[in-house]
């Protein structure tokens, strides 16, 4: 997408588009295989917009991949604590972990 064909978006819309695109690009290419240019192109923004919102590629990775995963772990931890005293707790917790992860 060239500068002339980029869509005008609000700052919030641009941030959301970057996060969605980053999840996809990082999932396919990994952190090391993803460039800021790839990320910007996938989100339909300029690289400067990524840096304005996230500061760096690592900041974007933290926001798009690490933060959601850490929220999942926190939720799983809270939810699973209810099952610890039950018989078959390990099986229940594993099923819960997999179902919530996916």
C-alpha atoms as a PDB file:
ATOM      1  CA  UNK A   1       0.000   0.000   0.000  1.00  0.00           C
ATOM      2  CA  UNK A   2       1.500   3.320  -0.999  1.00  0.00           C
ATOM      3  CA  UNK A   3       1.229   6.564   0.920  1.00  0.00           C
ATOM      4  CA  UNK A   4      -1.361   7.756  -1.594  1.00  0.00           C
ATOM      5  CA  UNK A   5      -3.611   4.720  -1.063  1.00  0.00           C
ATOM      6  CA  UNK A   6      -3.428   4.513   2.735  1.00  0.00           C
ATOM      7  CA  UNK A   7      -6.762   4.808   4.465  1.00  0.00           C
ATOM      8  CA  UNK A   8      -7.294   7.696   6.876  1.00  0.00           C
ATOM      9  CA  UNK A   9      -8.042   6.296  10.319  1.00  0.00           C
ATOM     10  CA  UNK A  10      -8.353   7.608  13.808  1.00  0.00           C
ATOM     11  CA  UNK A  11      -5.412   6.987  16.103  1.00  0.00           C
ATOM     12  CA  UNK A  12      -7.391   4.279  17.889  1.00  0.00           C
ATOM     13  CA  UNK A  13      -8.324   2.571  14.605  1.00  0.00           C
ATOM     14  CA  UNK A  14      -4.707   2.660  13.444  1.00  0.00           C
ATOM     15  CA  UNK A  15      -3.511   1.184  16.745  1.00  0.00           C
ATOM     16  CA  UNK A  16      -6.056  -1.632  16.521  1.00  0.00           C
ATOM     17  CA  UNK A  17      -5.139  -2.351  12.875  1.00  0.00           C
ATOM     18  CA  UNK A  18      -1.470  -2.526  13.843  1.00  0.00           C
ATOM     19  CA  UNK A  19      -2.173  -4.943  16.719  1.00  0.00           C
ATOM     20  CA  UNK A  20      -4.275  -7.239  14.531  1.00  0.00           C
ATOM     21  CA  UNK A  21      -1.702  -7.224  11.738  1.00  0.00           C
ATOM     22  CA  UNK A  22       1.160  -7.773  14.173  1.00  0.00           C
ATOM     23  CA  UNK A  23      -0.486 -10.882  15.646  1.00  0.00           C
ATOM     24  CA  UNK A  24      -0.719 -12.352  12.146  1.00  0.00           C
ATOM     25  CA  UNK A  25       2.743 -11.329  10.970  1.00  0.00           C
ATOM     26  CA  UNK A  26       4.474 -12.500  14.155  1.00  0.00           C
ATOM     27  CA  UNK A  27       2.533 -15.798  14.052  1.00  0.00           C
ATOM     28  CA  UNK A  28       3.673 -16.495  10.493  1.00  0.00           C
ATOM     29  CA  UNK A  29       7.231 -15.138  10.535  1.00  0.00           C
ATOM     30  CA  UNK A  30       8.167 -14.999  14.225  1.00  0.00           C
ATOM     31  CA  UNK A  31       9.752 -12.011  15.881  1.00  0.00           C
ATOM     32  CA  UNK A  32      13.123 -12.263  14.128  1.00  0.00           C
ATOM     33  CA  UNK A  33      11.551 -12.857  10.710  1.00  0.00           C
ATOM     34  CA  UNK A  34       9.252  -9.835  10.910  1.00  0.00           C
ATOM     35  CA  UNK A  35      10.424  -6.381   9.930  1.00  0.00           C
ATOM     36  CA  UNK A  36       8.795  -3.107  10.856  1.00  0.00           C
ATOM     37  CA  UNK A  37       8.210  -2.605   7.137  1.00  0.00           C
ATOM     38  CA  UNK A  38       6.326  -5.946   6.956  1.00  0.00           C
ATOM     39  CA  UNK A  39       4.269  -4.989   9.994  1.00  0.00           C
ATOM     40  CA  UNK A  40       3.437  -1.551   8.625  1.00  0.00           C
ATOM     41  CA  UNK A  41       2.476  -2.931   5.225  1.00  0.00           C
ATOM     42  CA  UNK A  42       0.192  -5.565   6.799  1.00  0.00           C
ATOM     43  CA  UNK A  43      -1.515  -2.900   8.934  1.00  0.00           C
ATOM     44  CA  UNK A  44      -1.791  -0.389   6.098  1.00  0.00           C
ATOM     45  CA  UNK A  45       0.176   2.280   7.966  1.00  0.00           C
ATOM     46  CA  UNK A  46       3.599   3.846   7.733  1.00  0.00           C
ATOM     47  CA  UNK A  47       6.433   2.603   9.919  1.00  0.00           C
ATOM     48  CA  UNK A  48       6.418   5.932  11.755  1.00  0.00           C
ATOM     49  CA  UNK A  49       2.856   5.218  12.943  1.00  0.00           C
ATOM     50  CA  UNK A  50       4.041   1.947  14.489  1.00  0.00           C
ATOM     51  CA  UNK A  51       6.872   3.732  16.284  1.00  0.00           C
ATOM     52  CA  UNK A  52       4.539   6.499  17.423  1.00  0.00           C
ATOM     53  CA  UNK A  53       2.168   3.995  19.029  1.00  0.00           C
ATOM     54  CA  UNK A  54       4.579   1.327  20.298  1.00  0.00           C
ATOM     55  CA  UNK A  55       8.050   2.857  20.334  1.00  0.00           C
ATOM     56  CA  UNK A  56       9.746  -0.133  18.692  1.00  0.00           C
ATOM     57  CA  UNK A  57       9.178  -3.535  17.161  1.00  0.00           C
ATOM     58  CA  UNK A  58       9.733  -5.090  20.591  1.00  0.00           C
ATOM     59  CA  UNK A  59       7.122  -2.743  22.073  1.00  0.00           C
ATOM     60  CA  UNK A  60       4.667  -3.853  19.400  1.00  0.00           C
ATOM     61  CA  UNK A  61       5.488  -7.515  20.076  1.00  0.00           C
ATOM     62  CA  UNK A  62       4.869  -6.992  23.779  1.00  0.00           C
ATOM     63  CA  UNK A  63       1.513  -5.325  23.112  1.00  0.00           C
ATOM     64  CA  UNK A  64       0.281  -7.724  20.437  1.00  0.00           C
ATOM     65  CA  UNK A  65       1.594 -11.088  21.629  1.00  0.00           C
ATOM     66  CA  UNK A  66       2.941 -10.973  25.170  1.00  0.00           C
ATOM     67  CA  UNK A  67       0.257  -8.849  26.828  1.00  0.00           C
ATOM     68  CA  UNK A  68      -2.671 -10.994  25.587  1.00  0.00           C
ATOM     69  CA  UNK A  69      -0.818 -14.169  26.597  1.00  0.00           C
ATOM     70  CA  UNK A  70      -0.074 -12.790  30.062  1.00  0.00           C
ATOM     71  CA  UNK A  71      -3.741 -11.812  30.460  1.00  0.00           C
ATOM     72  CA  UNK A  72      -4.681 -15.370  29.492  1.00  0.00           C
ATOM     73  CA  UNK A  73      -2.292 -16.797  32.091  1.00  0.00           C
ATOM     74  CA  UNK A  74      -3.695 -14.502  34.758  1.00  0.00           C
ATOM     75  CA  UNK A  75      -7.261 -15.497  33.910  1.00  0.00           C
ATOM     76  CA  UNK A  76      -6.323 -19.169  33.809  1.00  0.00           C
ATOM     77  CA  UNK A  77      -4.605 -18.895  37.161  1.00  0.00           C
ATOM     78  CA  UNK A  78      -7.667 -17.279  38.728  1.00  0.00           C
ATOM     79  CA  UNK A  79     -10.045 -19.793  37.169  1.00  0.00           C
ATOM     80  CA  UNK A  80      -7.953 -22.892  37.834  1.00  0.00           C
ATOM     81  CA  UNK A  81      -7.549 -22.131  41.531  1.00  0.00           C
ATOM     82  CA  UNK A  82     -11.208 -23.167  41.928  1.00  0.00           C
ATOM     83  CA  UNK A  83     -10.412 -26.675  40.668  1.00  0.00           C
ATOM     84  CA  UNK A  84      -7.347 -27.480  42.752  1.00  0.00           C
ATOM     85  CA  UNK A  85      -9.233 -29.120  45.632  1.00  0.00           C
ATOM     86  CA  UNK A  86     -11.380 -31.291  43.355  1.00  0.00           C
ATOM     87  CA  UNK A  87     -10.655 -34.900  42.402  1.00  0.00           C
ATOM     88  CA  UNK A  88      -9.180 -35.147  38.920  1.00  0.00           C
ATOM     89  CA  UNK A  89      -8.029 -31.545  39.224  1.00  0.00           C
ATOM     90  CA  UNK A  90      -5.084 -32.060  36.889  1.00  0.00           C
ATOM     91  CA  UNK A  91      -7.275 -33.363  34.059  1.00  0.00           C
ATOM     92  CA  UNK A  92      -9.799 -30.560  34.560  1.00  0.00           C
ATOM     93  CA  UNK A  93      -7.044 -27.941  34.646  1.00  0.00           C
ATOM     94  CA  UNK A  94      -5.412 -29.283  31.478  1.00  0.00           C
ATOM     95  CA  UNK A  95      -8.728 -29.250  29.619  1.00  0.00           C
ATOM     96  CA  UNK A  96      -9.412 -25.747  30.909  1.00  0.00           C
ATOM     97  CA  UNK A  97      -5.945 -24.546  29.906  1.00  0.00           C
ATOM     98  CA  UNK A  98      -6.255 -25.878  26.364  1.00  0.00           C
ATOM     99  CA  UNK A  99      -9.818 -24.644  25.862  1.00  0.00           C
ATOM    100  CA  UNK A 100      -9.034 -21.146  27.141  1.00  0.00           C
ATOM    101  CA  UNK A 101      -5.774 -20.937  25.236  1.00  0.00           C
ATOM    102  CA  UNK A 102      -7.477 -21.672  21.938  1.00  0.00           C
END
